[in-house]
Every structure is written in C-alpha cells, then in structure tokens.
Amino acid sequence: AYFVLTENAPEIDDLFLSLYFERVR
C-alpha cells in the first residue's frame, strides 16, 4: 500500500499507474 497526502494524490496515482500498479479496493 502507498500513503500520500490528499493534495498530492493525483500526481502519485499517475506515478504508480505508470509502474503498472494494480489497485484493489
């Protein structure tokens, strides 16, 4: 799991998406 500040969430989400992170809700 990765933790991120709310204001930085969109940027970090794009980063992990580029690394092929598969999110599980």
PDBML (XML) file of the C-alpha atoms, coordinates in Angstrom:
<?xml version="1.0" encoding="UTF-8" ?>
<PDBx:datablock datablockName="MODEL"
   xmlns:PDBx="http://pdbml.pdb.org/schema/pdbx-v50.xsd"
   xmlns:xsi="http://www.w3.org/2001/XMLSchema-instance"
   xsi:schemaLocation="http://pdbml.pdb.org/schema/pdbx-v50.xsd pdbx-v50.xsd">
   <PDBx:atom_siteCategory>
      <PDBx:atom_site id="1">
         <PDBx:B_iso_or_equiv>0.00</PDBx:B_iso_or_equiv>
         <PDBx:Cartn_x>0.000</PDBx:Cartn_x>
         <PDBx:Cartn_y>0.000</PDBx:Cartn_y>
         <PDBx:Cartn_z>0.000</PDBx:Cartn_z>
         <PDBx:auth_asym_id>A</PDBx:auth_asym_id>
         <PDBx:auth_atom_id>CA</PDBx:auth_atom_id>
         <PDBx:auth_comp_id>ALA</PDBx:auth_comp_id>
         <PDBx:auth_seq_id>1</PDBx:auth_seq_id>
         <PDBx:group_PDB>ATOM</PDBx:group_PDB>
         <PDBx:label_alt_id xsi:nil="true" />
         <PDBx:label_asym_id>A</PDBx:label_asym_id>
         <PDBx:label_atom_id>CA</PDBx:label_atom_id>
         <PDBx:label_comp_id>ALA</PDBx:label_comp_id>
         <PDBx:label_entity_id>1</PDBx:label_entity_id>
         <PDBx:label_seq_id>1</PDBx:label_seq_id>
         <PDBx:occupancy>1.00</PDBx:occupancy>
         <PDBx:pdbx_PDB_model_num>1</PDBx:pdbx_PDB_model_num>
         <PDBx:type_symbol>C</PDBx:type_symbol>
      </PDBx:atom_site>
      <PDBx:atom_site id="2">
         <PDBx:B_iso_or_equiv>0.00</PDBx:B_iso_or_equiv>
         <PDBx:Cartn_x>1.169</PDBx:Cartn_x>
         <PDBx:Cartn_y>3.548</PDBx:Cartn_y>
         <PDBx:Cartn_z>-0.533</PDBx:Cartn_z>
         <PDBx:auth_asym_id>A</PDBx:auth_asym_id>
         <PDBx:auth_atom_id>CA</PDBx:auth_atom_id>
         <PDBx:auth_comp_id>TYR</PDBx:auth_comp_id>
         <PDBx:auth_seq_id>2</PDBx:auth_seq_id>
         <PDBx:group_PDB>ATOM</PDBx:group_PDB>
         <PDBx:label_alt_id xsi:nil="true" />
         <PDBx:label_asym_id>A</PDBx:label_asym_id>
         <PDBx:label_atom_id>CA</PDBx:label_atom_id>
         <PDBx:label_comp_id>TYR</PDBx:label_comp_id>
         <PDBx:label_entity_id>1</PDBx:label_entity_id>
         <PDBx:label_seq_id>2</PDBx:label_seq_id>
         <PDBx:occupancy>1.00</PDBx:occupancy>
         <PDBx:pdbx_PDB_model_num>1</PDBx:pdbx_PDB_model_num>
         <PDBx:type_symbol>C</PDBx:type_symbol>
      </PDBx:atom_site>
      <PDBx:atom_site id="3">
         <PDBx:B_iso_or_equiv>0.00</PDBx:B_iso_or_equiv>
         <PDBx:Cartn_x>0.239</PDBx:Cartn_x>
         <PDBx:Cartn_y>6.536</PDBx:Cartn_y>
         <PDBx:Cartn_z>1.591</PDBx:Cartn_z>
         <PDBx:auth_asym_id>A</PDBx:auth_asym_id>
         <PDBx:auth_atom_id>CA</PDBx:auth_atom_id>
         <PDBx:auth_comp_id>PHE</PDBx:auth_comp_id>
         <PDBx:auth_seq_id>3</PDBx:auth_seq_id>
         <PDBx:group_PDB>ATOM</PDBx:group_PDB>
         <PDBx:label_alt_id xsi:nil="true" />
         <PDBx:label_asym_id>A</PDBx:label_asym_id>
         <PDBx:label_atom_id>CA</PDBx:label_atom_id>
         <PDBx:label_comp_id>PHE</PDBx:label_comp_id>
         <PDBx:label_entity_id>1</PDBx:label_entity_id>
         <PDBx:label_seq_id>3</PDBx:label_seq_id>
         <PDBx:occupancy>1.00</PDBx:occupancy>
         <PDBx:pdbx_PDB_model_num>1</PDBx:pdbx_PDB_model_num>
         <PDBx:type_symbol>C</PDBx:type_symbol>
      </PDBx:atom_site>
      <PDBx:atom_site id="4">
         <PDBx:B_iso_or_equiv>0.00</PDBx:B_iso_or_equiv>
         <PDBx:Cartn_x>0.063</PDBx:Cartn_x>
         <PDBx:Cartn_y>10.032</PDBx:Cartn_y>
         <PDBx:Cartn_z>0.196</PDBx:Cartn_z>
         <PDBx:auth_asym_id>A</PDBx:auth_asym_id>
         <PDBx:auth_atom_id>CA</PDBx:auth_atom_id>
         <PDBx:auth_comp_id>VAL</PDBx:auth_comp_id>
         <PDBx:auth_seq_id>4</PDBx:auth_seq_id>
         <PDBx:group_PDB>ATOM</PDBx:group_PDB>
         <PDBx:label_alt_id xsi:nil="true" />
         <PDBx:label_asym_id>A</PDBx:label_asym_id>
         <PDBx:label_atom_id>CA</PDBx:label_atom_id>
         <PDBx:label_comp_id>VAL</PDBx:label_comp_id>
         <PDBx:label_entity_id>1</PDBx:label_entity_id>
         <PDBx:label_seq_id>4</PDBx:label_seq_id>
         <PDBx:occupancy>1.00</PDBx:occupancy>
         <PDBx:pdbx_PDB_model_num>1</PDBx:pdbx_PDB_model_num>
         <PDBx:type_symbol>C</PDBx:type_symbol>
      </PDBx:atom_site>
      <PDBx:atom_site id="5">
         <PDBx:B_iso_or_equiv>0.00</PDBx:B_iso_or_equiv>
         <PDBx:Cartn_x>-1.245</PDBx:Cartn_x>
         <PDBx:Cartn_y>13.464</PDBx:Cartn_y>
         <PDBx:Cartn_z>1.184</PDBx:Cartn_z>
         <PDBx:auth_asym_id>A</PDBx:auth_asym_id>
         <PDBx:auth_atom_id>CA</PDBx:auth_atom_id>
         <PDBx:auth_comp_id>LEU</PDBx:auth_comp_id>
         <PDBx:auth_seq_id>5</PDBx:auth_seq_id>
         <PDBx:group_PDB>ATOM</PDBx:group_PDB>
         <PDBx:label_alt_id xsi:nil="true" />
         <PDBx:label_asym_id>A</PDBx:label_asym_id>
         <PDBx:label_atom_id>CA</PDBx:label_atom_id>
         <PDBx:label_comp_id>LEU</PDBx:label_comp_id>
         <PDBx:label_entity_id>1</PDBx:label_entity_id>
         <PDBx:label_seq_id>5</PDBx:label_seq_id>
         <PDBx:occupancy>1.00</PDBx:occupancy>
         <PDBx:pdbx_PDB_model_num>1</PDBx:pdbx_PDB_model_num>
         <PDBx:type_symbol>C</PDBx:type_symbol>
      </PDBx:atom_site>
      <PDBx:atom_site id="6">
         <PDBx:B_iso_or_equiv>0.00</PDBx:B_iso_or_equiv>
         <PDBx:Cartn_x>-4.647</PDBx:Cartn_x>
         <PDBx:Cartn_y>14.268</PDBx:Cartn_y>
         <PDBx:Cartn_z>-0.264</PDBx:Cartn_z>
         <PDBx:auth_asym_id>A</PDBx:auth_asym_id>
         <PDBx:auth_atom_id>CA</PDBx:auth_atom_id>
         <PDBx:auth_comp_id>THR</PDBx:auth_comp_id>
         <PDBx:auth_seq_id>6</PDBx:auth_seq_id>
         <PDBx:group_PDB>ATOM</PDBx:group_PDB>
         <PDBx:label_alt_id xsi:nil="true" />
         <PDBx:label_asym_id>A</PDBx:label_asym_id>
         <PDBx:label_atom_id>CA</PDBx:label_atom_id>
         <PDBx:label_comp_id>THR</PDBx:label_comp_id>
         <PDBx:label_entity_id>1</PDBx:label_entity_id>
         <PDBx:label_seq_id>6</PDBx:label_seq_id>
         <PDBx:occupancy>1.00</PDBx:occupancy>
         <PDBx:pdbx_PDB_model_num>1</PDBx:pdbx_PDB_model_num>
         <PDBx:type_symbol>C</PDBx:type_symbol>
      </PDBx:atom_site>
      <PDBx:atom_site id="7">
         <PDBx:B_iso_or_equiv>0.00</PDBx:B_iso_or_equiv>
         <PDBx:Cartn_x>-3.314</PDBx:Cartn_x>
         <PDBx:Cartn_y>17.209</PDBx:Cartn_y>
         <PDBx:Cartn_z>-2.246</PDBx:Cartn_z>
         <PDBx:auth_asym_id>A</PDBx:auth_asym_id>
         <PDBx:auth_atom_id>CA</PDBx:auth_atom_id>
         <PDBx:auth_comp_id>GLU</PDBx:auth_comp_id>
         <PDBx:auth_seq_id>7</PDBx:auth_seq_id>
         <PDBx:group_PDB>ATOM</PDBx:group_PDB>
         <PDBx:label_alt_id xsi:nil="true" />
         <PDBx:label_asym_id>A</PDBx:label_asym_id>
         <PDBx:label_atom_id>CA</PDBx:label_atom_id>
         <PDBx:label_comp_id>GLU</PDBx:label_comp_id>
         <PDBx:label_entity_id>1</PDBx:label_entity_id>
         <PDBx:label_seq_id>7</PDBx:label_seq_id>
         <PDBx:occupancy>1.00</PDBx:occupancy>
         <PDBx:pdbx_PDB_model_num>1</PDBx:pdbx_PDB_model_num>
         <PDBx:type_symbol>C</PDBx:type_symbol>
      </PDBx:atom_site>
      <PDBx:atom_site id="8">
         <PDBx:B_iso_or_equiv>0.00</PDBx:B_iso_or_equiv>
         <PDBx:Cartn_x>-0.599</PDBx:Cartn_x>
         <PDBx:Cartn_y>15.030</PDBx:Cartn_y>
         <PDBx:Cartn_z>-3.874</PDBx:Cartn_z>
         <PDBx:auth_asym_id>A</PDBx:auth_asym_id>
         <PDBx:auth_atom_id>CA</PDBx:auth_atom_id>
         <PDBx:auth_comp_id>ASN</PDBx:auth_comp_id>
         <PDBx:auth_seq_id>8</PDBx:auth_seq_id>
         <PDBx:group_PDB>ATOM</PDBx:group_PDB>
         <PDBx:label_alt_id xsi:nil="true" />
         <PDBx:label_asym_id>A</PDBx:label_asym_id>
         <PDBx:label_atom_id>CA</PDBx:label_atom_id>
         <PDBx:label_comp_id>ASN</PDBx:label_comp_id>
         <PDBx:label_entity_id>1</PDBx:label_entity_id>
         <PDBx:label_seq_id>8</PDBx:label_seq_id>
         <PDBx:occupancy>1.00</PDBx:occupancy>
         <PDBx:pdbx_PDB_model_num>1</PDBx:pdbx_PDB_model_num>
         <PDBx:type_symbol>C</PDBx:type_symbol>
      </PDBx:atom_site>
      <PDBx:atom_site id="9">
         <PDBx:B_iso_or_equiv>0.00</PDBx:B_iso_or_equiv>
         <PDBx:Cartn_x>-2.824</PDBx:Cartn_x>
         <PDBx:Cartn_y>12.024</PDBx:Cartn_y>
         <PDBx:Cartn_z>-4.565</PDBx:Cartn_z>
         <PDBx:auth_asym_id>A</PDBx:auth_asym_id>
         <PDBx:auth_atom_id>CA</PDBx:auth_atom_id>
         <PDBx:auth_comp_id>ALA</PDBx:auth_comp_id>
         <PDBx:auth_seq_id>9</PDBx:auth_seq_id>
         <PDBx:group_PDB>ATOM</PDBx:group_PDB>
         <PDBx:label_alt_id xsi:nil="true" />
         <PDBx:label_asym_id>A</PDBx:label_asym_id>
         <PDBx:label_atom_id>CA</PDBx:label_atom_id>
         <PDBx:label_comp_id>ALA</PDBx:label_comp_id>
         <PDBx:label_entity_id>1</PDBx:label_entity_id>
         <PDBx:label_seq_id>9</PDBx:label_seq_id>
         <PDBx:occupancy>1.00</PDBx:occupancy>
         <PDBx:pdbx_PDB_model_num>1</PDBx:pdbx_PDB_model_num>
         <PDBx:type_symbol>C</PDBx:type_symbol>
      </PDBx:atom_site>
      <PDBx:atom_site id="10">
         <PDBx:B_iso_or_equiv>0.00</PDBx:B_iso_or_equiv>
         <PDBx:Cartn_x>-3.494</PDBx:Cartn_x>
         <PDBx:Cartn_y>12.680</PDBx:Cartn_y>
         <PDBx:Cartn_z>-8.313</PDBx:Cartn_z>
         <PDBx:auth_asym_id>A</PDBx:auth_asym_id>
         <PDBx:auth_atom_id>CA</PDBx:auth_atom_id>
         <PDBx:auth_comp_id>PRO</PDBx:auth_comp_id>
         <PDBx:auth_seq_id>10</PDBx:auth_seq_id>
         <PDBx:group_PDB>ATOM</PDBx:group_PDB>
         <PDBx:label_alt_id xsi:nil="true" />
         <PDBx:label_asym_id>A</PDBx:label_asym_id>
         <PDBx:label_atom_id>CA</PDBx:label_atom_id>
         <PDBx:label_comp_id>PRO</PDBx:label_comp_id>
         <PDBx:label_entity_id>1</PDBx:label_entity_id>
         <PDBx:label_seq_id>10</PDBx:label_seq_id>
         <PDBx:occupancy>1.00</PDBx:occupancy>
         <PDBx:pdbx_PDB_model_num>1</PDBx:pdbx_PDB_model_num>
         <PDBx:type_symbol>C</PDBx:type_symbol>
      </PDBx:atom_site>
      <PDBx:atom_site id="11">
         <PDBx:B_iso_or_equiv>0.00</PDBx:B_iso_or_equiv>
         <PDBx:Cartn_x>0.239</PDBx:Cartn_x>
         <PDBx:Cartn_y>13.038</PDBx:Cartn_y>
         <PDBx:Cartn_z>-9.060</PDBx:Cartn_z>
         <PDBx:auth_asym_id>A</PDBx:auth_asym_id>
         <PDBx:auth_atom_id>CA</PDBx:auth_atom_id>
         <PDBx:auth_comp_id>GLU</PDBx:auth_comp_id>
         <PDBx:auth_seq_id>11</PDBx:auth_seq_id>
         <PDBx:group_PDB>ATOM</PDBx:group_PDB>
         <PDBx:label_alt_id xsi:nil="true" />
         <PDBx:label_asym_id>A</PDBx:label_asym_id>
         <PDBx:label_atom_id>CA</PDBx:label_atom_id>
         <PDBx:label_comp_id>GLU</PDBx:label_comp_id>
         <PDBx:label_entity_id>1</PDBx:label_entity_id>
         <PDBx:label_seq_id>11</PDBx:label_seq_id>
         <PDBx:occupancy>1.00</PDBx:occupancy>
         <PDBx:pdbx_PDB_model_num>1</PDBx:pdbx_PDB_model_num>
         <PDBx:type_symbol>C</PDBx:type_symbol>
      </PDBx:atom_site>
      <PDBx:atom_site id="12">
         <PDBx:B_iso_or_equiv>0.00</PDBx:B_iso_or_equiv>
         <PDBx:Cartn_x>1.268</PDBx:Cartn_x>
         <PDBx:Cartn_y>9.920</PDBx:Cartn_y>
         <PDBx:Cartn_z>-7.116</PDBx:Cartn_z>
         <PDBx:auth_asym_id>A</PDBx:auth_asym_id>
         <PDBx:auth_atom_id>CA</PDBx:auth_atom_id>
         <PDBx:auth_comp_id>ILE</PDBx:auth_comp_id>
         <PDBx:auth_seq_id>12</PDBx:auth_seq_id>
         <PDBx:group_PDB>ATOM</PDBx:group_PDB>
         <PDBx:label_alt_id xsi:nil="true" />
         <PDBx:label_asym_id>A</PDBx:label_asym_id>
         <PDBx:label_atom_id>CA</PDBx:label_atom_id>
         <PDBx:label_comp_id>ILE</PDBx:label_comp_id>
         <PDBx:label_entity_id>1</PDBx:label_entity_id>
         <PDBx:label_seq_id>12</PDBx:label_seq_id>
         <PDBx:occupancy>1.00</PDBx:occupancy>
         <PDBx:pdbx_PDB_model_num>1</PDBx:pdbx_PDB_model_num>
         <PDBx:type_symbol>C</PDBx:type_symbol>
      </PDBx:atom_site>
      <PDBx:atom_site id="13">
         <PDBx:B_iso_or_equiv>0.00</PDBx:B_iso_or_equiv>
         <PDBx:Cartn_x>-1.633</PDBx:Cartn_x>
         <PDBx:Cartn_y>7.916</PDBx:Cartn_y>
         <PDBx:Cartn_z>-8.572</PDBx:Cartn_z>
         <PDBx:auth_asym_id>A</PDBx:auth_asym_id>
         <PDBx:auth_atom_id>CA</PDBx:auth_atom_id>
         <PDBx:auth_comp_id>ASP</PDBx:auth_comp_id>
         <PDBx:auth_seq_id>13</PDBx:auth_seq_id>
         <PDBx:group_PDB>ATOM</PDBx:group_PDB>
         <PDBx:label_alt_id xsi:nil="true" />
         <PDBx:label_asym_id>A</PDBx:label_asym_id>
         <PDBx:label_atom_id>CA</PDBx:label_atom_id>
         <PDBx:label_comp_id>ASP</PDBx:label_comp_id>
         <PDBx:label_entity_id>1</PDBx:label_entity_id>
         <PDBx:label_seq_id>13</PDBx:label_seq_id>
         <PDBx:occupancy>1.00</PDBx:occupancy>
         <PDBx:pdbx_PDB_model_num>1</PDBx:pdbx_PDB_model_num>
         <PDBx:type_symbol>C</PDBx:type_symbol>
      </PDBx:atom_site>
      <PDBx:atom_site id="14">
         <PDBx:B_iso_or_equiv>0.00</PDBx:B_iso_or_equiv>
         <PDBx:Cartn_x>-0.333</PDBx:Cartn_x>
         <PDBx:Cartn_y>8.684</PDBx:Cartn_y>
         <PDBx:Cartn_z>-12.071</PDBx:Cartn_z>
         <PDBx:auth_asym_id>A</PDBx:auth_asym_id>
         <PDBx:auth_atom_id>CA</PDBx:auth_atom_id>
         <PDBx:auth_comp_id>ASP</PDBx:auth_comp_id>
         <PDBx:auth_seq_id>14</PDBx:auth_seq_id>
         <PDBx:group_PDB>ATOM</PDBx:group_PDB>
         <PDBx:label_alt_id xsi:nil="true" />
         <PDBx:label_asym_id>A</PDBx:label_asym_id>
         <PDBx:label_atom_id>CA</PDBx:label_atom_id>
         <PDBx:label_comp_id>ASP</PDBx:label_comp_id>
         <PDBx:label_entity_id>1</PDBx:label_entity_id>
         <PDBx:label_seq_id>14</PDBx:label_seq_id>
         <PDBx:occupancy>1.00</PDBx:occupancy>
         <PDBx:pdbx_PDB_model_num>1</PDBx:pdbx_PDB_model_num>
         <PDBx:type_symbol>C</PDBx:type_symbol>
      </PDBx:atom_site>
      <PDBx:atom_site id="15">
         <PDBx:B_iso_or_equiv>0.00</PDBx:B_iso_or_equiv>
         <PDBx:Cartn_x>3.172</PDBx:Cartn_x>
         <PDBx:Cartn_y>7.672</PDBx:Cartn_y>
         <PDBx:Cartn_z>-10.999</PDBx:Cartn_z>
         <PDBx:auth_asym_id>A</PDBx:auth_asym_id>
         <PDBx:auth_atom_id>CA</PDBx:auth_atom_id>
         <PDBx:auth_comp_id>LEU</PDBx:auth_comp_id>
         <PDBx:auth_seq_id>15</PDBx:auth_seq_id>
         <PDBx:group_PDB>ATOM</PDBx:group_PDB>
         <PDBx:label_alt_id xsi:nil="true" />
         <PDBx:label_asym_id>A</PDBx:label_asym_id>
         <PDBx:label_atom_id>CA</PDBx:label_atom_id>
         <PDBx:label_comp_id>LEU</PDBx:label_comp_id>
         <PDBx:label_entity_id>1</PDBx:label_entity_id>
         <PDBx:label_seq_id>15</PDBx:label_seq_id>
         <PDBx:occupancy>1.00</PDBx:occupancy>
         <PDBx:pdbx_PDB_model_num>1</PDBx:pdbx_PDB_model_num>
         <PDBx:type_symbol>C</PDBx:type_symbol>
      </PDBx:atom_site>
      <PDBx:atom_site id="16">
         <PDBx:B_iso_or_equiv>0.00</PDBx:B_iso_or_equiv>
         <PDBx:Cartn_x>2.089</PDBx:Cartn_x>
         <PDBx:Cartn_y>4.276</PDBx:Cartn_y>
         <PDBx:Cartn_z>-9.678</PDBx:Cartn_z>
         <PDBx:auth_asym_id>A</PDBx:auth_asym_id>
         <PDBx:auth_atom_id>CA</PDBx:auth_atom_id>
         <PDBx:auth_comp_id>PHE</PDBx:auth_comp_id>
         <PDBx:auth_seq_id>16</PDBx:auth_seq_id>
         <PDBx:group_PDB>ATOM</PDBx:group_PDB>
         <PDBx:label_alt_id xsi:nil="true" />
         <PDBx:label_asym_id>A</PDBx:label_asym_id>
         <PDBx:label_atom_id>CA</PDBx:label_atom_id>
         <PDBx:label_comp_id>PHE</PDBx:label_comp_id>
         <PDBx:label_entity_id>1</PDBx:label_entity_id>
         <PDBx:label_seq_id>16</PDBx:label_seq_id>
         <PDBx:occupancy>1.00</PDBx:occupancy>
         <PDBx:pdbx_PDB_model_num>1</PDBx:pdbx_PDB_model_num>
         <PDBx:type_symbol>C</PDBx:type_symbol>
      </PDBx:atom_site>
      <PDBx:atom_site id="17">
         <PDBx:B_iso_or_equiv>0.00</PDBx:B_iso_or_equiv>
         <PDBx:Cartn_x>-0.131</PDBx:Cartn_x>
         <PDBx:Cartn_y>3.781</PDBx:Cartn_y>
         <PDBx:Cartn_z>-12.696</PDBx:Cartn_z>
         <PDBx:auth_asym_id>A</PDBx:auth_asym_id>
         <PDBx:auth_atom_id>CA</PDBx:auth_atom_id>
         <PDBx:auth_comp_id>LEU</PDBx:auth_comp_id>
         <PDBx:auth_seq_id>17</PDBx:auth_seq_id>
         <PDBx:group_PDB>ATOM</PDBx:group_PDB>
         <PDBx:label_alt_id xsi:nil="true" />
         <PDBx:label_asym_id>A</PDBx:label_asym_id>
         <PDBx:label_atom_id>CA</PDBx:label_atom_id>
         <PDBx:label_comp_id>LEU</PDBx:label_comp_id>
         <PDBx:label_entity_id>1</PDBx:label_entity_id>
         <PDBx:label_seq_id>17</PDBx:label_seq_id>
         <PDBx:occupancy>1.00</PDBx:occupancy>
         <PDBx:pdbx_PDB_model_num>1</PDBx:pdbx_PDB_model_num>
         <PDBx:type_symbol>C</PDBx:type_symbol>
      </PDBx:atom_site>
      <PDBx:atom_site id="18">
         <PDBx:B_iso_or_equiv>0.00</PDBx:B_iso_or_equiv>
         <PDBx:Cartn_x>2.935</PDBx:Cartn_x>
         <PDBx:Cartn_y>4.195</PDBx:Cartn_y>
         <PDBx:Cartn_z>-14.929</PDBx:Cartn_z>
         <PDBx:auth_asym_id>A</PDBx:auth_asym_id>
         <PDBx:auth_atom_id>CA</PDBx:auth_atom_id>
         <PDBx:auth_comp_id>SER</PDBx:auth_comp_id>
         <PDBx:auth_seq_id>18</PDBx:auth_seq_id>
         <PDBx:group_PDB>ATOM</PDBx:group_PDB>
         <PDBx:label_alt_id xsi:nil="true" />
         <PDBx:label_asym_id>A</PDBx:label_asym_id>
         <PDBx:label_atom_id>CA</PDBx:label_atom_id>
         <PDBx:label_comp_id>SER</PDBx:label_comp_id>
         <PDBx:label_entity_id>1</PDBx:label_entity_id>
         <PDBx:label_seq_id>18</PDBx:label_seq_id>
         <PDBx:occupancy>1.00</PDBx:occupancy>
         <PDBx:pdbx_PDB_model_num>1</PDBx:pdbx_PDB_model_num>
         <PDBx:type_symbol>C</PDBx:type_symbol>
      </PDBx:atom_site>
      <PDBx:atom_site id="19">
         <PDBx:B_iso_or_equiv>0.00</PDBx:B_iso_or_equiv>
         <PDBx:Cartn_x>4.634</PDBx:Cartn_x>
         <PDBx:Cartn_y>1.472</PDBx:Cartn_y>
         <PDBx:Cartn_z>-12.855</PDBx:Cartn_z>
         <PDBx:auth_asym_id>A</PDBx:auth_asym_id>
         <PDBx:auth_atom_id>CA</PDBx:auth_atom_id>
         <PDBx:auth_comp_id>LEU</PDBx:auth_comp_id>
         <PDBx:auth_seq_id>19</PDBx:auth_seq_id>
         <PDBx:group_PDB>ATOM</PDBx:group_PDB>
         <PDBx:label_alt_id xsi:nil="true" />
         <PDBx:label_asym_id>A</PDBx:label_asym_id>
         <PDBx:label_atom_id>CA</PDBx:label_atom_id>
         <PDBx:label_comp_id>LEU</PDBx:label_comp_id>
         <PDBx:label_entity_id>1</PDBx:label_entity_id>
         <PDBx:label_seq_id>19</PDBx:label_seq_id>
         <PDBx:occupancy>1.00</PDBx:occupancy>
         <PDBx:pdbx_PDB_model_num>1</PDBx:pdbx_PDB_model_num>
         <PDBx:type_symbol>C</PDBx:type_symbol>
      </PDBx:atom_site>
      <PDBx:atom_site id="20">
         <PDBx:B_iso_or_equiv>0.00</PDBx:B_iso_or_equiv>
         <PDBx:Cartn_x>1.643</PDBx:Cartn_x>
         <PDBx:Cartn_y>-0.849</PDBx:Cartn_y>
         <PDBx:Cartn_z>-13.543</PDBx:Cartn_z>
         <PDBx:auth_asym_id>A</PDBx:auth_asym_id>
         <PDBx:auth_atom_id>CA</PDBx:auth_atom_id>
         <PDBx:auth_comp_id>TYR</PDBx:auth_comp_id>
         <PDBx:auth_seq_id>20</PDBx:auth_seq_id>
         <PDBx:group_PDB>ATOM</PDBx:group_PDB>
         <PDBx:label_alt_id xsi:nil="true" />
         <PDBx:label_asym_id>A</PDBx:label_asym_id>
         <PDBx:label_atom_id>CA</PDBx:label_atom_id>
         <PDBx:label_comp_id>TYR</PDBx:label_comp_id>
         <PDBx:label_entity_id>1</PDBx:label_entity_id>
         <PDBx:label_seq_id>20</PDBx:label_seq_id>
         <PDBx:occupancy>1.00</PDBx:occupancy>
         <PDBx:pdbx_PDB_model_num>1</PDBx:pdbx_PDB_model_num>
         <PDBx:type_symbol>C</PDBx:type_symbol>
      </PDBx:atom_site>
      <PDBx:atom_site id="21">
         <PDBx:B_iso_or_equiv>0.00</PDBx:B_iso_or_equiv>
         <PDBx:Cartn_x>0.301</PDBx:Cartn_x>
         <PDBx:Cartn_y>-0.729</PDBx:Cartn_y>
         <PDBx:Cartn_z>-10.009</PDBx:Cartn_z>
         <PDBx:auth_asym_id>A</PDBx:auth_asym_id>
         <PDBx:auth_atom_id>CA</PDBx:auth_atom_id>
         <PDBx:auth_comp_id>PHE</PDBx:auth_comp_id>
         <PDBx:auth_seq_id>21</PDBx:auth_seq_id>
         <PDBx:group_PDB>ATOM</PDBx:group_PDB>
         <PDBx:label_alt_id xsi:nil="true" />
         <PDBx:label_asym_id>A</PDBx:label_asym_id>
         <PDBx:label_atom_id>CA</PDBx:label_atom_id>
         <PDBx:label_comp_id>PHE</PDBx:label_comp_id>
         <PDBx:label_entity_id>1</PDBx:label_entity_id>
         <PDBx:label_seq_id>21</PDBx:label_seq_id>
         <PDBx:occupancy>1.00</PDBx:occupancy>
         <PDBx:pdbx_PDB_model_num>1</PDBx:pdbx_PDB_model_num>
         <PDBx:type_symbol>C</PDBx:type_symbol>
      </PDBx:atom_site>
      <PDBx:atom_site id="22">
         <PDBx:B_iso_or_equiv>0.00</PDBx:B_iso_or_equiv>
         <PDBx:Cartn_x>-2.939</PDBx:Cartn_x>
         <PDBx:Cartn_y>-2.758</PDBx:Cartn_y>
         <PDBx:Cartn_z>-9.822</PDBx:Cartn_z>
         <PDBx:auth_asym_id>A</PDBx:auth_asym_id>
         <PDBx:auth_atom_id>CA</PDBx:auth_atom_id>
         <PDBx:auth_comp_id>GLU</PDBx:auth_comp_id>
         <PDBx:auth_seq_id>22</PDBx:auth_seq_id>
         <PDBx:group_PDB>ATOM</PDBx:group_PDB>
         <PDBx:label_alt_id xsi:nil="true" />
         <PDBx:label_asym_id>A</PDBx:label_asym_id>
         <PDBx:label_atom_id>CA</PDBx:label_atom_id>
         <PDBx:label_comp_id>GLU</PDBx:label_comp_id>
         <PDBx:label_entity_id>1</PDBx:label_entity_id>
         <PDBx:label_seq_id>22</PDBx:label_seq_id>
         <PDBx:occupancy>1.00</PDBx:occupancy>
         <PDBx:pdbx_PDB_model_num>1</PDBx:pdbx_PDB_model_num>
         <PDBx:type_symbol>C</PDBx:type_symbol>
      </PDBx:atom_site>
      <PDBx:atom_site id="23">
         <PDBx:B_iso_or_equiv>0.00</PDBx:B_iso_or_equiv>
         <PDBx:Cartn_x>-5.180</PDBx:Cartn_x>
         <PDBx:Cartn_y>-1.115</PDBx:Cartn_y>
         <PDBx:Cartn_z>-7.280</PDBx:Cartn_z>
         <PDBx:auth_asym_id>A</PDBx:auth_asym_id>
         <PDBx:auth_atom_id>CA</PDBx:auth_atom_id>
         <PDBx:auth_comp_id>ARG</PDBx:auth_comp_id>
         <PDBx:auth_seq_id>23</PDBx:auth_seq_id>
         <PDBx:group_PDB>ATOM</PDBx:group_PDB>
         <PDBx:label_alt_id xsi:nil="true" />
         <PDBx:label_asym_id>A</PDBx:label_asym_id>
         <PDBx:label_atom_id>CA</PDBx:label_atom_id>
         <PDBx:label_comp_id>ARG</PDBx:label_comp_id>
         <PDBx:label_entity_id>1</PDBx:label_entity_id>
         <PDBx:label_seq_id>23</PDBx:label_seq_id>
         <PDBx:occupancy>1.00</PDBx:occupancy>
         <PDBx:pdbx_PDB_model_num>1</PDBx:pdbx_PDB_model_num>
         <PDBx:type_symbol>C</PDBx:type_symbol>
      </PDBx:atom_site>
      <PDBx:atom_site id="24">
         <PDBx:B_iso_or_equiv>0.00</PDBx:B_iso_or_equiv>
         <PDBx:Cartn_x>-7.513</PDBx:Cartn_x>
         <PDBx:Cartn_y>-3.273</PDBx:Cartn_y>
         <PDBx:Cartn_z>-5.193</PDBx:Cartn_z>
         <PDBx:auth_asym_id>A</PDBx:auth_asym_id>
         <PDBx:auth_atom_id>CA</PDBx:auth_atom_id>
         <PDBx:auth_comp_id>VAL</PDBx:auth_comp_id>
         <PDBx:auth_seq_id>24</PDBx:auth_seq_id>
         <PDBx:group_PDB>ATOM</PDBx:group_PDB>
         <PDBx:label_alt_id xsi:nil="true" />
         <PDBx:label_asym_id>A</PDBx:label_asym_id>
         <PDBx:label_atom_id>CA</PDBx:label_atom_id>
         <PDBx:label_comp_id>VAL</PDBx:label_comp_id>
         <PDBx:label_entity_id>1</PDBx:label_entity_id>
         <PDBx:label_seq_id>24</PDBx:label_seq_id>
         <PDBx:occupancy>1.00</PDBx:occupancy>
         <PDBx:pdbx_PDB_model_num>1</PDBx:pdbx_PDB_model_num>
         <PDBx:type_symbol>C</PDBx:type_symbol>
      </PDBx:atom_site>
      <PDBx:atom_site id="25">
         <PDBx:B_iso_or_equiv>0.00</PDBx:B_iso_or_equiv>
         <PDBx:Cartn_x>-10.427</PDBx:Cartn_x>
         <PDBx:Cartn_y>-1.642</PDBx:Cartn_y>
         <PDBx:Cartn_z>-3.446</PDBx:Cartn_z>
         <PDBx:auth_asym_id>A</PDBx:auth_asym_id>
         <PDBx:auth_atom_id>CA</PDBx:auth_atom_id>
         <PDBx:auth_comp_id>ARG</PDBx:auth_comp_id>
         <PDBx:auth_seq_id>25</PDBx:auth_seq_id>
         <PDBx:group_PDB>ATOM</PDBx:group_PDB>
         <PDBx:label_alt_id xsi:nil="true" />
         <PDBx:label_asym_id>A</PDBx:label_asym_id>
         <PDBx:label_atom_id>CA</PDBx:label_atom_id>
         <PDBx:label_comp_id>ARG</PDBx:label_comp_id>
         <PDBx:label_entity_id>1</PDBx:label_entity_id>
         <PDBx:label_seq_id>25</PDBx:label_seq_id>
         <PDBx:occupancy>1.00</PDBx:occupancy>
         <PDBx:pdbx_PDB_model_num>1</PDBx:pdbx_PDB_model_num>
         <PDBx:type_symbol>C</PDBx:type_symbol>
      </PDBx:atom_site>
   </PDBx:atom_siteCategory>
</PDBx:datablock>
